[in-house]
Amino acid sequence: MAAHEHPLTDLEQRLLAIAHERGFILPPETDLSRLPAEAGSRIADAPKHSDGMRHFPKKVNKGERPSTYGYPITCADLTAFGRLLASLT
């Protein structure tokens, strides 16, 4: 893990653990070319379809009914996560 100016709070540690274990999903309309192409972040080539993402757009994947979708992304550490968030704002 990268060196930090201060120790991670309990909340920061839990958020990093969740982001590392599960990753998170970017909406499909996100301009992926804006995201850092550095080591530490990995964006899936294909979108993930799931009915659990209620605020995402829908499209038909393999079935007859549309499902929500987005691009999974994982970050190796808090520094990569910070760079990703900075590039999205």
C-alpha atoms as a PDB file:
ATOM      1  CA  MET A   1       0.000   0.000   0.000  1.00  0.00           C
ATOM      2  CA  ALA A   2       1.195   3.534  -0.702  1.00  0.00           C
ATOM      3  CA  ALA A   3       2.563   5.746   2.050  1.00  0.00           C
ATOM      4  CA  HIS A   4       0.060   8.186   3.541  1.00  0.00           C
ATOM      5  CA  GLU A   5       0.479  11.489   5.354  1.00  0.00           C
ATOM      6  CA  HIS A   6      -1.768  10.211   8.136  1.00  0.00           C
ATOM      7  CA  PRO A   7      -2.959   6.784   9.236  1.00  0.00           C
ATOM      8  CA  LEU A   8      -6.169   5.641   7.593  1.00  0.00           C
ATOM      9  CA  THR A   9      -9.303   6.093   9.634  1.00  0.00           C
ATOM     10  CA  ASP A  10     -11.513   3.097  10.309  1.00  0.00           C
ATOM     11  CA  LEU A  11     -13.971   4.344   7.662  1.00  0.00           C
ATOM     12  CA  GLU A  12     -11.195   4.771   5.068  1.00  0.00           C
ATOM     13  CA  GLN A  13      -9.953   1.247   5.778  1.00  0.00           C
ATOM     14  CA  ARG A  14     -13.448  -0.219   5.378  1.00  0.00           C
ATOM     15  CA  LEU A  15     -14.110   1.708   2.149  1.00  0.00           C
ATOM     16  CA  LEU A  16     -10.779   0.620   0.713  1.00  0.00           C
ATOM     17  CA  ALA A  17     -11.474  -3.010   1.648  1.00  0.00           C
ATOM     18  CA  ILE A  18     -14.872  -2.891  -0.077  1.00  0.00           C
ATOM     19  CA  ALA A  19     -13.458  -1.189  -3.181  1.00  0.00           C
ATOM     20  CA  HIS A  20     -10.615  -3.706  -3.347  1.00  0.00           C
ATOM     21  CA  GLU A  21     -12.769  -6.810  -2.778  1.00  0.00           C
ATOM     22  CA  ARG A  22     -15.769  -5.896  -4.872  1.00  0.00           C
ATOM     23  CA  GLY A  23     -14.669  -2.975  -6.989  1.00  0.00           C
ATOM     24  CA  PHE A  24     -17.373  -0.584  -8.054  1.00  0.00           C
ATOM     25  CA  ILE A  25     -19.367   0.231 -11.162  1.00  0.00           C
ATOM     26  CA  LEU A  26     -19.115   3.313 -13.388  1.00  0.00           C
ATOM     27  CA  PRO A  27     -22.192   4.413 -15.346  1.00  0.00           C
ATOM     28  CA  PRO A  28     -21.938   3.570 -19.062  1.00  0.00           C
ATOM     29  CA  GLU A  29     -22.063   7.238 -20.066  1.00  0.00           C
ATOM     30  CA  THR A  30     -18.768   7.891 -18.200  1.00  0.00           C
ATOM     31  CA  ASP A  31     -16.035   9.112 -20.544  1.00  0.00           C
ATOM     32  CA  LEU A  32     -13.543   6.296 -19.921  1.00  0.00           C
ATOM     33  CA  SER A  33     -10.818   8.135 -21.862  1.00  0.00           C
ATOM     34  CA  ARG A  34     -10.665  10.708 -19.005  1.00  0.00           C
ATOM     35  CA  LEU A  35      -9.687   8.062 -16.473  1.00  0.00           C
ATOM     36  CA  PRO A  36      -6.054   7.554 -15.472  1.00  0.00           C
ATOM     37  CA  ALA A  37      -4.315   4.872 -17.534  1.00  0.00           C
ATOM     38  CA  GLU A  38      -1.831   4.244 -14.746  1.00  0.00           C
ATOM     39  CA  ALA A  39      -1.150   1.104 -12.777  1.00  0.00           C
ATOM     40  CA  GLY A  40      -3.521   0.581  -9.901  1.00  0.00           C
ATOM     41  CA  SER A  41      -6.878   0.895 -11.660  1.00  0.00           C
ATOM     42  CA  ARG A  42      -8.427  -1.689 -13.953  1.00  0.00           C
ATOM     43  CA  ILE A  43     -11.592  -1.108 -15.966  1.00  0.00           C
ATOM     44  CA  ALA A  44     -13.404  -4.106 -17.432  1.00  0.00           C
ATOM     45  CA  ASP A  45     -13.603  -4.295 -21.226  1.00  0.00           C
ATOM     46  CA  ALA A  46     -17.260  -5.280 -21.194  1.00  0.00           C
ATOM     47  CA  PRO A  47     -20.090  -3.861 -19.107  1.00  0.00           C
ATOM     48  CA  LYS A  48     -21.604  -5.768 -16.203  1.00  0.00           C
ATOM     49  CA  HIS A  49     -25.370  -6.343 -16.272  1.00  0.00           C
ATOM     50  CA  SER A  50     -27.280  -6.524 -13.010  1.00  0.00           C
ATOM     51  CA  ASP A  51     -30.767  -5.699 -11.807  1.00  0.00           C
ATOM     52  CA  GLY A  52     -29.325  -4.362  -8.541  1.00  0.00           C
ATOM     53  CA  MET A  53     -28.106  -1.038  -9.976  1.00  0.00           C
ATOM     54  CA  ARG A  54     -31.381   0.867  -9.864  1.00  0.00           C
ATOM     55  CA  HIS A  55     -30.053   4.266 -10.988  1.00  0.00           C
ATOM     56  CA  PHE A  56     -28.181   3.030 -14.056  1.00  0.00           C
ATOM     57  CA  PRO A  57     -29.534   2.892 -17.623  1.00  0.00           C
ATOM     58  CA  LYS A  58     -30.970  -0.345 -18.977  1.00  0.00           C
ATOM     59  CA  LYS A  59     -30.504  -2.360 -22.138  1.00  0.00           C
ATOM     60  CA  VAL A  60     -31.235  -5.904 -23.242  1.00  0.00           C
ATOM     61  CA  ASN A  61     -28.246  -8.170 -22.710  1.00  0.00           C
ATOM     62  CA  LYS A  62     -28.970 -11.870 -23.292  1.00  0.00           C
ATOM     63  CA  GLY A  63     -32.555 -12.135 -22.191  1.00  0.00           C
ATOM     64  CA  GLU A  64     -35.770 -10.485 -23.275  1.00  0.00           C
ATOM     65  CA  ARG A  65     -35.990  -8.019 -20.422  1.00  0.00           C
ATOM     66  CA  PRO A  66     -33.687  -4.971 -20.154  1.00  0.00           C
ATOM     67  CA  SER A  67     -31.280  -4.898 -17.215  1.00  0.00           C
ATOM     68  CA  THR A  68     -29.110  -2.142 -15.796  1.00  0.00           C
ATOM     69  CA  TYR A  69     -25.440  -2.087 -16.703  1.00  0.00           C
ATOM     70  CA  GLY A  70     -22.163  -0.303 -16.050  1.00  0.00           C
ATOM     71  CA  TYR A  71     -18.391  -0.771 -16.227  1.00  0.00           C
ATOM     72  CA  PRO A  72     -16.725  -2.543 -13.281  1.00  0.00           C
ATOM     73  CA  ILE A  73     -13.520  -0.966 -12.020  1.00  0.00           C
ATOM     74  CA  THR A  74     -11.083  -2.066  -9.335  1.00  0.00           C
ATOM     75  CA  CYS A  75      -8.355  -0.045  -7.618  1.00  0.00           C
ATOM     76  CA  ALA A  76      -5.268  -1.616  -6.112  1.00  0.00           C
ATOM     77  CA  ASP A  77      -4.885   0.905  -3.305  1.00  0.00           C
ATOM     78  CA  LEU A  78      -6.133   4.160  -1.838  1.00  0.00           C
ATOM     79  CA  THR A  79      -3.823   6.239  -4.044  1.00  0.00           C
ATOM     80  CA  ALA A  80      -5.240   4.702  -7.240  1.00  0.00           C
ATOM     81  CA  PHE A  81      -8.756   5.214  -5.864  1.00  0.00           C
ATOM     82  CA  GLY A  82      -7.958   8.880  -5.166  1.00  0.00           C
ATOM     83  CA  ARG A  83      -6.608   9.422  -8.697  1.00  0.00           C
ATOM     84  CA  LEU A  84      -9.732   7.826 -10.126  1.00  0.00           C
ATOM     85  CA  LEU A  85     -12.044  10.027  -8.053  1.00  0.00           C
ATOM     86  CA  ALA A  86     -10.053  13.149  -8.971  1.00  0.00           C
ATOM     87  CA  SER A  87     -10.362  12.342 -12.679  1.00  0.00           C
ATOM     88  CA  LEU A  88     -14.141  11.936 -12.386  1.00  0.00           C
ATOM     89  CA  THR A  89     -14.747  15.311 -10.740  1.00  0.00           C
END
